[in-house]
Amino acid sequence: MAVKHSIGKLNFHLSFAEFVEQQIVINGIQLLPISIEHILVVSQLPLHHRDPFDRMLIAQAIVENIPVLSADKIFATYPIQRLW
């Protein structure tokens, strides 16, 4: 979201910081920090997907056993649950 917002492809009626903080509260979002275990899994992932942000999401999904919300079909090549 931050990247899309910074290049003008995603706009909000609030500042970006206010929007994110509001959505965290409204939706009960828990932020997931990046751990050493996540980094180690990223280093072992096959290179089906080369985007570093997506690779971290995939690693976190594997380690934490949580689904990923993405329309990117390449995610299905990894041992995760992809929703959407």
PDB file of N, CA and C in Angstrom:
ATOM      1  N   MET A   1       0.817  -1.182   0.000  1.00  0.00           N
ATOM      2  CA  MET A   1       0.000   0.000   0.000  1.00  0.00           C
ATOM      3  C   MET A   1       0.865   1.251   0.000  1.00  0.00           C
ATOM      4  N   ALA A   2       1.920   1.221   0.767  1.00  0.00           N
ATOM      5  CA  ALA A   2       2.783   2.398   0.866  1.00  0.00           C
ATOM      6  C   ALA A   2       3.399   2.738  -0.489  1.00  0.00           C
ATOM      7  N   VAL A   3       3.859   1.740  -1.208  1.00  0.00           N
ATOM      8  CA  VAL A   3       4.463   1.978  -2.515  1.00  0.00           C
ATOM      9  C   VAL A   3       3.419   2.520  -3.486  1.00  0.00           C
ATOM     10  N   LYS A   4       2.260   1.878  -3.543  1.00  0.00           N
ATOM     11  CA  LYS A   4       1.187   2.333  -4.440  1.00  0.00           C
ATOM     12  C   LYS A   4       0.769   3.754  -4.093  1.00  0.00           C
ATOM     13  N   HIS A   5       0.673   4.058  -2.811  1.00  0.00           N
ATOM     14  CA  HIS A   5       0.308   5.404  -2.386  1.00  0.00           C
ATOM     15  C   HIS A   5       1.378   6.424  -2.794  1.00  0.00           C
ATOM     16  N   SER A   6       2.654   6.081  -2.609  1.00  0.00           N
ATOM     17  CA  SER A   6       3.730   7.024  -2.906  1.00  0.00           C
ATOM     18  C   SER A   6       3.855   7.337  -4.396  1.00  0.00           C
ATOM     19  N   ILE A   7       3.400   6.415  -5.260  1.00  0.00           N
ATOM     20  CA  ILE A   7       3.468   6.683  -6.710  1.00  0.00           C
ATOM     21  C   ILE A   7       2.132   7.171  -7.266  1.00  0.00           C
ATOM     22  N   GLY A   8       1.179   7.446  -6.363  1.00  0.00           N
ATOM     23  CA  GLY A   8      -0.090   8.042  -6.780  1.00  0.00           C
ATOM     24  C   GLY A   8      -1.136   7.088  -7.310  1.00  0.00           C
ATOM     25  N   LYS A   9      -0.940   5.793  -7.132  1.00  0.00           N
ATOM     26  CA  LYS A   9      -1.919   4.812  -7.619  1.00  0.00           C
ATOM     27  C   LYS A   9      -2.931   4.398  -6.566  1.00  0.00           C
ATOM     28  N   LEU A  10      -2.787   4.929  -5.350  1.00  0.00           N
ATOM     29  CA  LEU A  10      -3.703   4.602  -4.266  1.00  0.00           C
ATOM     30  C   LEU A  10      -3.812   5.831  -3.375  1.00  0.00           C
ATOM     31  N   ASN A  11      -5.025   6.357  -3.256  1.00  0.00           N
ATOM     32  CA  ASN A  11      -5.229   7.569  -2.474  1.00  0.00           C
ATOM     33  C   ASN A  11      -6.290   7.340  -1.407  1.00  0.00           C
ATOM     34  N   PHE A  12      -6.193   8.081  -0.317  1.00  0.00           N
ATOM     35  CA  PHE A  12      -7.108   7.963   0.807  1.00  0.00           C
ATOM     36  C   PHE A  12      -7.624   9.347   1.177  1.00  0.00           C
ATOM     37  N   HIS A  13      -8.735   9.396   1.894  1.00  0.00           N
ATOM     38  CA  HIS A  13      -9.287  10.671   2.342  1.00  0.00           C
ATOM     39  C   HIS A  13      -8.551  11.213   3.567  1.00  0.00           C
ATOM     40  N   LEU A  14      -7.648  10.425   4.120  1.00  0.00           N
ATOM     41  CA  LEU A  14      -6.805  10.812   5.252  1.00  0.00           C
ATOM     42  C   LEU A  14      -5.352  10.739   4.814  1.00  0.00           C
ATOM     43  N   SER A  15      -4.448  11.196   5.672  1.00  0.00           N
ATOM     44  CA  SER A  15      -3.034  10.958   5.380  1.00  0.00           C
ATOM     45  C   SER A  15      -2.802   9.447   5.409  1.00  0.00           C
ATOM     46  N   PHE A  16      -1.745   9.005   4.768  1.00  0.00           N
ATOM     47  CA  PHE A  16      -1.463   7.571   4.737  1.00  0.00           C
ATOM     48  C   PHE A  16      -1.309   7.013   6.142  1.00  0.00           C
ATOM     49  N   ALA A  17      -0.561   7.715   6.998  1.00  0.00           N
ATOM     50  CA  ALA A  17      -0.347   7.251   8.376  1.00  0.00           C
ATOM     51  C   ALA A  17      -1.659   7.134   9.131  1.00  0.00           C
ATOM     52  N   GLU A  18      -2.521   8.145   8.995  1.00  0.00           N
ATOM     53  CA  GLU A  18      -3.821   8.110   9.690  1.00  0.00           C
ATOM     54  C   GLU A  18      -4.688   6.970   9.175  1.00  0.00           C
ATOM     55  N   PHE A  19      -4.666   6.765   7.857  1.00  0.00           N
ATOM     56  CA  PHE A  19      -5.465   5.685   7.272  1.00  0.00           C
ATOM     57  C   PHE A  19      -5.019   4.325   7.807  1.00  0.00           C
ATOM     58  N   VAL A  20      -3.720   4.079   7.792  1.00  0.00           N
ATOM     59  CA  VAL A  20      -3.197   2.789   8.255  1.00  0.00           C
ATOM     60  C   VAL A  20      -3.529   2.575   9.729  1.00  0.00           C
ATOM     61  N   GLU A  21      -3.270   3.569  10.556  1.00  0.00           N
ATOM     62  CA  GLU A  21      -3.578   3.447  11.983  1.00  0.00           C
ATOM     63  C   GLU A  21      -5.060   3.186  12.209  1.00  0.00           C
ATOM     64  N   GLN A  22      -5.919   3.877  11.474  1.00  0.00           N
ATOM     65  CA  GLN A  22      -7.369   3.687  11.591  1.00  0.00           C
ATOM     66  C   GLN A  22      -7.768   2.260  11.207  1.00  0.00           C
ATOM     67  N   GLN A  23      -7.227   1.762  10.113  1.00  0.00           N
ATOM     68  CA  GLN A  23      -7.595   0.429   9.640  1.00  0.00           C
ATOM     69  C   GLN A  23      -7.101  -0.671  10.582  1.00  0.00           C
ATOM     70  N   ILE A  24      -5.953  -0.459  11.208  1.00  0.00           N
ATOM     71  CA  ILE A  24      -5.444  -1.431  12.182  1.00  0.00           C
ATOM     72  C   ILE A  24      -6.439  -1.577  13.329  1.00  0.00           C
ATOM     73  N   VAL A  25      -6.956  -0.448  13.802  1.00  0.00           N
ATOM     74  CA  VAL A  25      -7.923  -0.469  14.905  1.00  0.00           C
ATOM     75  C   VAL A  25      -9.263  -1.041  14.447  1.00  0.00           C
ATOM     76  N   ILE A  26      -9.806  -0.528  13.363  1.00  0.00           N
ATOM     77  CA  ILE A  26     -11.135  -0.939  12.879  1.00  0.00           C
ATOM     78  C   ILE A  26     -11.184  -2.436  12.585  1.00  0.00           C
ATOM     79  N   ASN A  27     -10.138  -2.959  11.977  1.00  0.00           N
ATOM     80  CA  ASN A  27     -10.138  -4.356  11.532  1.00  0.00           C
ATOM     81  C   ASN A  27      -9.434  -5.313  12.485  1.00  0.00           C
ATOM     82  N   GLY A  28      -8.972  -4.811  13.622  1.00  0.00           N
ATOM     83  CA  GLY A  28      -8.311  -5.683  14.593  1.00  0.00           C
ATOM     84  C   GLY A  28      -7.063  -6.343  14.033  1.00  0.00           C
ATOM     85  N   ILE A  29      -6.313  -5.612  13.230  1.00  0.00           N
ATOM     86  CA  ILE A  29      -5.116  -6.157  12.590  1.00  0.00           C
ATOM     87  C   ILE A  29      -3.985  -6.249  13.602  1.00  0.00           C
ATOM     88  N   GLN A  30      -3.297  -7.374  13.588  1.00  0.00           N
ATOM     89  CA  GLN A  30      -2.098  -7.546  14.411  1.00  0.00           C
ATOM     90  C   GLN A  30      -0.896  -7.521  13.482  1.00  0.00           C
ATOM     91  N   LEU A  31       0.040  -6.642  13.771  1.00  0.00           N
ATOM     92  CA  LEU A  31       1.234  -6.545  12.945  1.00  0.00           C
ATOM     93  C   LEU A  31       2.172  -7.705  13.263  1.00  0.00           C
ATOM     94  N   LEU A  32       2.764  -8.258  12.216  1.00  0.00           N
ATOM     95  CA  LEU A  32       3.659  -9.396  12.362  1.00  0.00           C
ATOM     96  C   LEU A  32       5.086  -8.936  12.091  1.00  0.00           C
ATOM     97  N   PRO A  33       5.922  -8.899  13.121  1.00  0.00           N
ATOM     98  CA  PRO A  33       7.309  -8.486  12.891  1.00  0.00           C
ATOM     99  C   PRO A  33       8.070  -9.550  12.095  1.00  0.00           C
ATOM    100  N   ILE A  34       9.146  -9.137  11.480  1.00  0.00           N
ATOM    101  CA  ILE A  34      10.003 -10.072  10.750  1.00  0.00           C
ATOM    102  C   ILE A  34      10.980 -10.694  11.744  1.00  0.00           C
ATOM    103  N   SER A  35      10.994 -12.024  11.781  1.00  0.00           N
ATOM    104  CA  SER A  35      11.868 -12.742  12.716  1.00  0.00           C
ATOM    105  C   SER A  35      13.025 -13.391  11.962  1.00  0.00           C
ATOM    106  N   ILE A  36      13.993 -13.833  12.712  1.00  0.00           N
ATOM    107  CA  ILE A  36      15.126 -14.563  12.130  1.00  0.00           C
ATOM    108  C   ILE A  36      14.618 -15.802  11.390  1.00  0.00           C
ATOM    109  N   GLU A  37      13.638 -16.488  11.958  1.00  0.00           N
ATOM    110  CA  GLU A  37      13.092 -17.687  11.302  1.00  0.00           C
ATOM    111  C   GLU A  37      12.503 -17.347   9.939  1.00  0.00           C
ATOM    112  N   HIS A  38      11.821 -16.214   9.846  1.00  0.00           N
ATOM    113  CA  HIS A  38      11.268 -15.784   8.550  1.00  0.00           C
ATOM    114  C   HIS A  38      12.395 -15.560   7.541  1.00  0.00           C
ATOM    115  N   ILE A  39      13.451 -14.907   7.993  1.00  0.00           N
ATOM    116  CA  ILE A  39      14.588 -14.614   7.111  1.00  0.00           C
ATOM    117  C   ILE A  39      15.246 -15.907   6.625  1.00  0.00           C
ATOM    118  N   LEU A  40      15.385 -16.879   7.522  1.00  0.00           N
ATOM    119  CA  LEU A  40      15.992 -18.160   7.131  1.00  0.00           C
ATOM    120  C   LEU A  40      15.138 -18.887   6.108  1.00  0.00           C
ATOM    121  N   VAL A  41      13.817 -18.833   6.263  1.00  0.00           N
ATOM    122  CA  VAL A  41      12.933 -19.485   5.288  1.00  0.00           C
ATOM    123  C   VAL A  41      13.024 -18.777   3.939  1.00  0.00           C
ATOM    124  N   VAL A  42      13.066 -17.435   3.935  1.00  0.00           N
ATOM    125  CA  VAL A  42      13.223 -16.699   2.673  1.00  0.00           C
ATOM    126  C   VAL A  42      14.478 -17.174   1.943  1.00  0.00           C
ATOM    127  N   SER A  43      15.546 -17.378   2.673  1.00  0.00           N
ATOM    128  CA  SER A  43      16.812 -17.774   2.042  1.00  0.00           C
ATOM    129  C   SER A  43      16.744 -19.156   1.410  1.00  0.00           C
ATOM    130  N   GLN A  44      15.765 -19.953   1.791  1.00  0.00           N
ATOM    131  CA  GLN A  44      15.641 -21.323   1.279  1.00  0.00           C
ATOM    132  C   GLN A  44      14.511 -21.495   0.270  1.00  0.00           C
ATOM    133  N   LEU A  45      13.733 -20.443   0.041  1.00  0.00           N
ATOM    134  CA  LEU A  45      12.619 -20.560  -0.901  1.00  0.00           C
ATOM    135  C   LEU A  45      13.120 -20.715  -2.330  1.00  0.00           C
ATOM    136  N   PRO A  46      12.442 -21.567  -3.119  1.00  0.00           N
ATOM    137  CA  PRO A  46      12.768 -21.615  -4.546  1.00  0.00           C
ATOM    138  C   PRO A  46      12.412 -20.261  -5.182  1.00  0.00           C
ATOM    139  N   LEU A  47      13.064 -19.922  -6.263  1.00  0.00           N
ATOM    140  CA  LEU A  47      12.880 -18.608  -6.885  1.00  0.00           C
ATOM    141  C   LEU A  47      11.712 -18.555  -7.868  1.00  0.00           C
ATOM    142  N   HIS A  48      10.572 -19.142  -7.484  1.00  0.00           N
ATOM    143  CA  HIS A  48       9.374 -19.022  -8.325  1.00  0.00           C
ATOM    144  C   HIS A  48       8.953 -17.561  -8.402  1.00  0.00           C
ATOM    145  N   HIS A  49       9.124 -16.870  -7.315  1.00  0.00           N
ATOM    146  CA  HIS A  49       8.723 -15.467  -7.215  1.00  0.00           C
ATOM    147  C   HIS A  49       9.961 -14.660  -6.834  1.00  0.00           C
ATOM    148  N   ARG A  50      10.229 -13.581  -7.530  1.00  0.00           N
ATOM    149  CA  ARG A  50      11.455 -12.824  -7.291  1.00  0.00           C
ATOM    150  C   ARG A  50      11.227 -11.529  -6.518  1.00  0.00           C
ATOM    151  N   ASP A  51       9.984 -11.153  -6.274  1.00  0.00           N
ATOM    152  CA  ASP A  51       9.707  -9.920  -5.532  1.00  0.00           C
ATOM    153  C   ASP A  51      10.058 -10.132  -4.061  1.00  0.00           C
ATOM    154  N   PRO A  52      10.984  -9.339  -3.503  1.00  0.00           N
ATOM    155  CA  PRO A  52      11.430  -9.577  -2.131  1.00  0.00           C
ATOM    156  C   PRO A  52      10.323  -9.394  -1.089  1.00  0.00           C
ATOM    157  N   PHE A  53       9.411  -8.478  -1.315  1.00  0.00           N
ATOM    158  CA  PHE A  53       8.307  -8.278  -0.364  1.00  0.00           C
ATOM    159  C   PHE A  53       7.383  -9.494  -0.359  1.00  0.00           C
ATOM    160  N   ASP A  54       7.051  -9.986  -1.549  1.00  0.00           N
ATOM    161  CA  ASP A  54       6.185 -11.163  -1.632  1.00  0.00           C
ATOM    162  C   ASP A  54       6.872 -12.397  -1.064  1.00  0.00           C
ATOM    163  N   ARG A  55       8.161 -12.509  -1.286  1.00  0.00           N
ATOM    164  CA  ARG A  55       8.892 -13.659  -0.736  1.00  0.00           C
ATOM    165  C   ARG A  55       8.860 -13.643   0.790  1.00  0.00           C
ATOM    166  N   MET A  56       8.940 -12.464   1.395  1.00  0.00           N
ATOM    167  CA  MET A  56       8.852 -12.371   2.853  1.00  0.00           C
ATOM    168  C   MET A  56       7.445 -12.760   3.316  1.00  0.00           C
ATOM    169  N   LEU A  57       6.418 -12.316   2.599  1.00  0.00           N
ATOM    170  CA  LEU A  57       5.056 -12.713   2.953  1.00  0.00           C
ATOM    171  C   LEU A  57       4.892 -14.232   2.885  1.00  0.00           C
ATOM    172  N   ILE A  58       5.457 -14.826   1.869  1.00  0.00           N
ATOM    173  CA  ILE A  58       5.383 -16.281   1.715  1.00  0.00           C
ATOM    174  C   ILE A  58       6.101 -16.968   2.876  1.00  0.00           C
ATOM    175  N   ALA A  59       7.291 -16.497   3.214  1.00  0.00           N
ATOM    176  CA  ALA A  59       8.042 -17.084   4.330  1.00  0.00           C
ATOM    177  C   ALA A  59       7.265 -16.941   5.638  1.00  0.00           C
ATOM    178  N   GLN A  60       6.687 -15.778   5.874  1.00  0.00           N
ATOM    179  CA  GLN A  60       5.908 -15.589   7.096  1.00  0.00           C
ATOM    180  C   GLN A  60       4.693 -16.512   7.121  1.00  0.00           C
ATOM    181  N   ALA A  61       4.049 -16.688   5.983  1.00  0.00           N
ATOM    182  CA  ALA A  61       2.901 -17.590   5.920  1.00  0.00           C
ATOM    183  C   ALA A  61       3.313 -19.020   6.241  1.00  0.00           C
ATOM    184  N   ILE A  62       4.463 -19.429   5.760  1.00  0.00           N
ATOM    185  CA  ILE A  62       4.959 -20.784   6.042  1.00  0.00           C
ATOM    186  C   ILE A  62       5.267 -20.939   7.527  1.00  0.00           C
ATOM    187  N   VAL A  63       6.047 -20.026   8.070  1.00  0.00           N
ATOM    188  CA  VAL A  63       6.482 -20.128   9.475  1.00  0.00           C
ATOM    189  C   VAL A  63       5.294 -20.017  10.427  1.00  0.00           C
ATOM    190  N   GLU A  64       4.417 -19.063  10.175  1.00  0.00           N
ATOM    191  CA  GLU A  64       3.299 -18.795  11.091  1.00  0.00           C
ATOM    192  C   GLU A  64       2.066 -19.640  10.798  1.00  0.00           C
ATOM    193  N   ASN A  65       2.114 -20.388   9.696  1.00  0.00           N
ATOM    194  CA  ASN A  65       0.985 -21.217   9.265  1.00  0.00           C
ATOM    195  C   ASN A  65      -0.288 -20.377   9.139  1.00  0.00           C
ATOM    196  N   ILE A  66      -0.167 -19.296   8.361  1.00  0.00           N
ATOM    197  CA  ILE A  66      -1.293 -18.400   8.123  1.00  0.00           C
ATOM    198  C   ILE A  66      -1.509 -18.249   6.618  1.00  0.00           C
ATOM    199  N   PRO A  67      -2.743 -17.984   6.192  1.00  0.00           N
ATOM    200  CA  PRO A  67      -2.993 -17.803   4.761  1.00  0.00           C
ATOM    201  C   PRO A  67      -2.521 -16.441   4.273  1.00  0.00           C
ATOM    202  N   VAL A  68      -2.355 -16.336   2.958  1.00  0.00           N
ATOM    203  CA  VAL A  68      -1.973 -15.086   2.313  1.00  0.00           C
ATOM    204  C   VAL A  68      -3.119 -14.673   1.392  1.00  0.00           C
ATOM    205  N   LEU A  69      -3.478 -13.410   1.443  1.00  0.00           N
ATOM    206  CA  LEU A  69      -4.504 -12.861   0.571  1.00  0.00           C
ATOM    207  C   LEU A  69      -3.808 -12.234  -0.632  1.00  0.00           C
ATOM    208  N   SER A  70      -3.921 -12.881  -1.781  1.00  0.00           N
ATOM    209  CA  SER A  70      -3.255 -12.388  -2.987  1.00  0.00           C
ATOM    210  C   SER A  70      -3.887 -13.009  -4.230  1.00  0.00           C
ATOM    211  N   ALA A  71      -3.987 -12.200  -5.270  1.00  0.00           N
ATOM    212  CA  ALA A  71      -4.452 -12.715  -6.558  1.00  0.00           C
ATOM    213  C   ALA A  71      -3.294 -13.273  -7.382  1.00  0.00           C
ATOM    214  N   ASP A  72      -2.082 -13.123  -6.888  1.00  0.00           N
ATOM    215  CA  ASP A  72      -0.882 -13.573  -7.595  1.00  0.00           C
ATOM    216  C   ASP A  72      -0.826 -15.101  -7.602  1.00  0.00           C
ATOM    217  N   LYS A  73      -0.999 -15.688  -8.770  1.00  0.00           N
ATOM    218  CA  LYS A  73      -1.063 -17.148  -8.882  1.00  0.00           C
ATOM    219  C   LYS A  73       0.271 -17.833  -8.607  1.00  0.00           C
ATOM    220  N   ILE A  74       1.365 -17.105  -8.683  1.00  0.00           N
ATOM    221  CA  ILE A  74       2.679 -17.696  -8.385  1.00  0.00           C
ATOM    222  C   ILE A  74       2.751 -18.141  -6.932  1.00  0.00           C
ATOM    223  N   PHE A  75       1.970 -17.496  -6.049  1.00  0.00           N
ATOM    224  CA  PHE A  75       1.962 -17.882  -4.642  1.00  0.00           C
ATOM    225  C   PHE A  75       1.554 -19.347  -4.486  1.00  0.00           C
ATOM    226  N   ALA A  76       0.743 -19.851  -5.403  1.00  0.00           N
ATOM    227  CA  ALA A  76       0.261 -21.238  -5.322  1.00  0.00           C
ATOM    228  C   ALA A  76       1.385 -22.250  -5.527  1.00  0.00           C
ATOM    229  N   THR A  77       2.541 -21.815  -5.986  1.00  0.00           N
ATOM    230  CA  THR A  77       3.663 -22.735  -6.174  1.00  0.00           C
ATOM    231  C   THR A  77       4.413 -22.998  -4.871  1.00  0.00           C
ATOM    232  N   TYR A  78       4.019 -22.306  -3.823  1.00  0.00           N
ATOM    233  CA  TYR A  78       4.640 -22.474  -2.494  1.00  0.00           C
ATOM    234  C   TYR A  78       3.679 -23.205  -1.564  1.00  0.00           C
ATOM    235  N   PRO A  79       4.200 -23.842  -0.517  1.00  0.00           N
ATOM    236  CA  PRO A  79       3.349 -24.613   0.396  1.00  0.00           C
ATOM    237  C   PRO A  79       2.600 -23.714   1.399  1.00  0.00           C
ATOM    238  N   ILE A  80       1.732 -22.875   0.857  1.00  0.00           N
ATOM    239  CA  ILE A  80       0.930 -21.964   1.672  1.00  0.00           C
ATOM    240  C   ILE A  80      -0.518 -22.029   1.217  1.00  0.00           C
ATOM    241  N   GLN A  81      -1.395 -21.500   2.024  1.00  0.00           N
ATOM    242  CA  GLN A  81      -2.784 -21.346   1.625  1.00  0.00           C
ATOM    243  C   GLN A  81      -2.942 -19.944   1.062  1.00  0.00           C
ATOM    244  N   ARG A  82      -3.350 -19.847  -0.198  1.00  0.00           N
ATOM    245  CA  ARG A  82      -3.562 -18.543  -0.842  1.00  0.00           C
ATOM    246  C   ARG A  82      -5.059 -18.323  -0.969  1.00  0.00           C
ATOM    247  N   LEU A  83      -5.521 -17.211  -0.426  1.00  0.00           N
ATOM    248  CA  LEU A  83      -6.934 -16.848  -0.532  1.00  0.00           C
ATOM    249  C   LEU A  83      -7.088 -15.789  -1.623  1.00  0.00           C
ATOM    250  N   TRP A  84      -8.079 -15.968  -2.450  1.00  0.00           N
ATOM    251  CA  TRP A  84      -8.486 -15.036  -3.478  1.00  0.00           C
ATOM    252  C   TRP A  84      -8.225 -15.632  -4.785  1.00  0.00           C
TER     253      TRP A  84
END
